[in-house]
Protein backbone atom coordinates (compact mmCIF):
# COMPACT_ATOMS: atom_id res chain seq x y z
CA UNK A 1 25.95 -1.19 -5.09
CA UNK A 2 29.52 -1.08 -3.82
CA UNK A 3 30.73 0.03 -7.25
CA UNK A 4 28.11 2.78 -7.40
CA UNK A 5 29.07 4.01 -3.94
CA UNK A 6 32.78 3.97 -4.87
CA UNK A 7 32.01 5.92 -8.04
CA UNK A 8 30.11 8.56 -6.06
CA UNK A 9 32.94 8.88 -3.55
CA UNK A 10 35.76 9.23 -6.14
CA UNK A 11 33.85 11.32 -8.67
CA UNK A 12 35.21 14.79 -9.33
CA UNK A 13 31.67 16.14 -9.11
CA UNK A 14 30.46 16.80 -5.60
CA UNK A 15 27.61 14.41 -4.80
CA UNK A 16 24.41 16.32 -4.18
CA UNK A 17 20.97 15.54 -2.79
CA UNK A 18 19.82 14.12 -6.14
CA UNK A 19 22.83 11.81 -6.37
CA UNK A 20 22.18 10.38 -2.91
CA UNK A 21 18.41 10.12 -3.44
CA UNK A 22 19.11 8.10 -6.60
CA UNK A 23 21.47 5.86 -4.61
CA UNK A 24 18.76 5.42 -1.97
CA UNK A 25 16.24 4.40 -4.62
CA UNK A 26 18.69 1.90 -6.12
CA UNK A 27 19.46 0.49 -2.68
CA UNK A 28 15.73 0.04 -2.13
CA UNK A 29 15.36 -1.86 -5.42
CA UNK A 30 18.33 -4.07 -4.56
CA UNK A 31 17.30 -4.39 -0.88
CA UNK A 32 20.70 -3.18 0.33
CA UNK A 33 19.98 -1.79 3.78
CA UNK A 34 23.54 -0.67 4.52
CA UNK A 35 23.74 1.41 1.36
CA UNK A 36 20.22 2.75 1.86
CA UNK A 37 21.06 3.98 5.35
CA UNK A 38 24.26 5.66 4.11
CA UNK A 39 22.43 7.36 1.25
CA UNK A 40 19.56 8.49 3.51
CA UNK A 41 22.01 10.02 5.98
CA UNK A 42 23.70 11.92 3.15
CA UNK A 43 20.41 13.21 1.73
CA UNK A 44 19.28 14.39 5.17
CA UNK A 45 22.67 16.05 5.71
CA UNK A 46 22.53 17.86 2.36
CA UNK A 47 18.81 18.64 2.28
CA UNK A 48 17.68 22.22 2.86
CA UNK A 49 14.86 20.61 4.84
CA UNK A 50 16.58 18.68 7.64
CA UNK A 51 13.40 16.69 8.27
CA UNK A 52 13.36 15.26 4.70
CA UNK A 53 10.09 13.34 5.02
CA UNK A 54 10.34 11.62 1.63
CA UNK A 55 13.78 10.22 2.49
CA UNK A 56 12.50 8.79 5.75
CA UNK A 57 9.51 7.25 3.97
CA UNK A 58 11.78 5.69 1.35
CA UNK A 59 14.10 4.33 4.05
CA UNK A 60 11.10 2.83 5.85
CA UNK A 61 10.19 1.08 2.58
CA UNK A 62 13.67 -0.44 2.45
CA UNK A 63 13.19 -1.81 5.96
CA UNK A 64 9.74 -3.14 5.04
CA UNK A 65 10.99 -4.81 1.85
CA UNK A 66 13.44 -6.90 3.83
CA UNK A 67 11.04 -7.60 6.68
CA UNK A 68 12.77 -5.50 9.31
CA UNK A 69 10.75 -4.05 12.19
CA UNK A 70 12.80 -0.85 12.04
CA UNK A 71 10.09 0.51 9.75
CA UNK A 72 8.04 1.28 12.87
CA UNK A 73 10.98 3.11 14.45
CA UNK A 74 11.27 5.38 11.40
CA UNK A 75 7.55 6.23 11.53
CA UNK A 76 7.65 6.80 15.30
CA UNK A 77 10.58 9.17 14.83
CA UNK A 78 8.64 11.04 12.15
CA UNK A 79 5.63 11.31 14.44
CA UNK A 80 7.82 12.57 17.30
CA UNK A 81 9.19 15.27 14.97
CA UNK A 82 5.68 16.19 13.83
CA UNK A 83 6.37 15.03 10.27
CA UNK A 84 3.65 13.68 8.01
CA UNK A 85 3.86 11.99 4.65
CA UNK A 86 2.06 13.99 2.02
CA UNK A 87 -0.25 11.89 -0.13
CA UNK A 88 0.99 11.01 -3.60
CA UNK A 89 -1.07 12.50 -6.41
CA UNK A 90 -1.56 11.32 -9.99
CA UNK A 91 -3.63 13.02 -12.65
CA UNK A 92 -4.93 11.80 -15.99
CA UNK A 93 -6.97 13.61 -18.58
CA UNK A 94 -9.76 11.66 -20.28
CA UNK A 95 -12.02 13.32 -22.83
CA UNK A 96 -11.06 16.79 -21.58
CA UNK A 97 -11.72 16.00 -17.91
CA UNK A 98 -8.85 15.75 -15.44
CA UNK A 99 -9.17 12.92 -12.92
CA UNK A 100 -7.07 13.05 -9.76
CA UNK A 101 -5.98 10.01 -7.74
CA UNK A 102 -4.38 10.20 -4.29
CA UNK A 103 -2.70 7.64 -2.08
CA UNK A 104 -2.31 7.97 1.66
């Protein structure tokens, strides 16, 4: 994770929202809270939507994966801001009929 962060920082290309979101996802997989927080801050800073719900949800999942209670703080902050997670949607076509599945 440190190498990836160093690469992002020294790269000639300017890191964008996608770069930092990818770093956040990797930090979640590796359970690196410090890197996840850094990446989330960068995404929120660069995002055209300063509320960046998906980033906050992903950061809360990092907290949850390592058993930190901060997950509740993230959700309380989202509630205070009036932010809501949109349900995830998957679709599959079987015999010409599209079936839709949603999470909450």
